[in-house]
Amino acid sequence: MRVVLSGYYGFDNVGDEAILYAIIHSLREYHPRIEITVLSHKPEQTAETYGVNAINRWSLKEVHAAIKSSDGLISGGGSLLQDETGRKSIPYYAGVMKIAQQLKKPVFVYAQGMGPINSKLNQRIVKYVLNSVKMLTVRDQQSRELLEIIGVTSQIHLVPDPVMGLDASGFHSSWLQQQNFQNKVITVSVREWAGDAYAFQEIAAGLDQLANKGHEIVFVPMHGKHDFQISKDVEGLMKNKAHIAPFDSTIQEKMAIIKESDVLFGMRLHALIFAAVGCTPFVALSYDPKIDSFAEIAAQPVLGHVEAEDWNGADLVQAIERIFTNYPDELEKITAAVSPLQKRANATARTVIDAITAPSASIAPLAYQAKTKVKNR
C-alpha cells in the first residue's frame, strides 16, 4: 500500500512536524509495510528524519507522479485550508487534492483545523474540493461548523489531533535533566505577533512575579529560530532570570520538557497539545480560534487574546497560582478531558487504511467519549 502525505512539512515548525511524526507512527502501527511519500519543503531532511520517501512539494511533475503511483492522498493535519496567513495556502492544498481527484485517487482530509476562510472565492474552492473527498475529518467543532456554513455537504467527522495519539511517557530531555531544577517549573511558549508590545510586556511582568515566588521559567521555542528570538525578547523584558530550551531540540525532547513541567503558559497550539499529551495543566493565550477550541476540549483556561488589553500580568499570575492551589483537581480535570482523545487519535489512520483496502465500504463513525484517568505526580 502506498500513500502520499500533503501538509506544512519541511518548514521546521515543531507543531506540524509533530503532526507528521504522529500520522506516520499511526499508519505504520496499523500497517507496518505501508509506503509513505511526503510532500516536503526540505525532502532530503524529511526522508532522513522519518524514514519515508519525500519529494519537493513545489514540483508539480513530482507531485503528480507520486500521487499517480499511490493508493490515496492524505491531506493534513494542521491548519491548511485557511487564508488568514497567506493567499496561497488554499489554492495550493486544494490544488494537490484536486490532482488526486482527477487521477481518481481517494482523498482523506486528516484531522484538519479549518479557517478562517475570508475570501468568497476560497470558500467556493474549499466547498468544491471537499465535497468530493473520500473521508473528511476535522479536529474541532468550530471547523465542522465553518464547513457546513460554506456549503460542504460531505459527512464531517470530528476527531482528535493526531499528536494526541503519541505516548510521551518514554520521552526525555538531557537538557532539562542538566538544569536540575528544584522548584516548580513553568514552561512558556510564545510566538511573534506584530505590533503588540502590550501583550509581551504583560507576559514578562507576570512571569517576573512568578519567578519572584520561586518558580523556574522555561521558554520552549516551538518554531525554531522564530520562536527562539521572541522568547529572548520576552526574557529581555524580565528582571529575573529565565531559561530558554534549545530551539533545535527534537519533537520528543520538547514534549518531554513540557511533560515534566508543572504548568504551561502557551500561545502555540501544539505546545498546548504537548501539555495535554503529558497531562500537564496549561493556561492559553489566544491568537486564533483554534487556541480557544483546543483549550475548551482540554478543559483548560484561556487568559485572553493577544490583541486585547482586558488582561494583564497579574491575571496571568492569578491563573497559574489557581492551578497550583488546586493541583490534584487540575490534574484530574485535564486527564479526564484528554484521555478519550488519546484513545481515539489513532483510529483515523486505521480508517484511512481500511478505506483503501475496502474502497466500497462506508467510513465508520469516528466519535469519542470521555473517560477518567488520573495522572500520578
Foldseek 3Di string as FASTA:
>chain_A
DEEEEEDAAAQQQLLQVLLVLLLVVLLCVQPVPYAYEYAYCDQVVVCVVRVHHYDHLPDPVVLLVRLLPGQAYEYDAEEQLEPPVHDCRLVSSLVSLVSNVVSVHAYEHAAYAYYDHDDLVSLVSCQVRQLPHQYAEHAFPVRVVVNVVSPRDPDYAHAHRSSLQDQLPPFEAPVVVVVPDDAAEEEEFDADDPPQPQLLLQQQVLVQVVVVVVYAYEYEYRRAPRRVVVVVVSCVSHPDDHHYDHSPDHSSHSLNVLLPGQEYEYEDPVSVVSNLSSLHAYEYAYADVVNVRVCVLQVHHYQYHSRDDPHGSVSVNVRVVVCVVVVQVSSFSRQQRSVQNNVQSSVSSVQVVVCSVPVVDHRDHRDTDTDTDGDDD
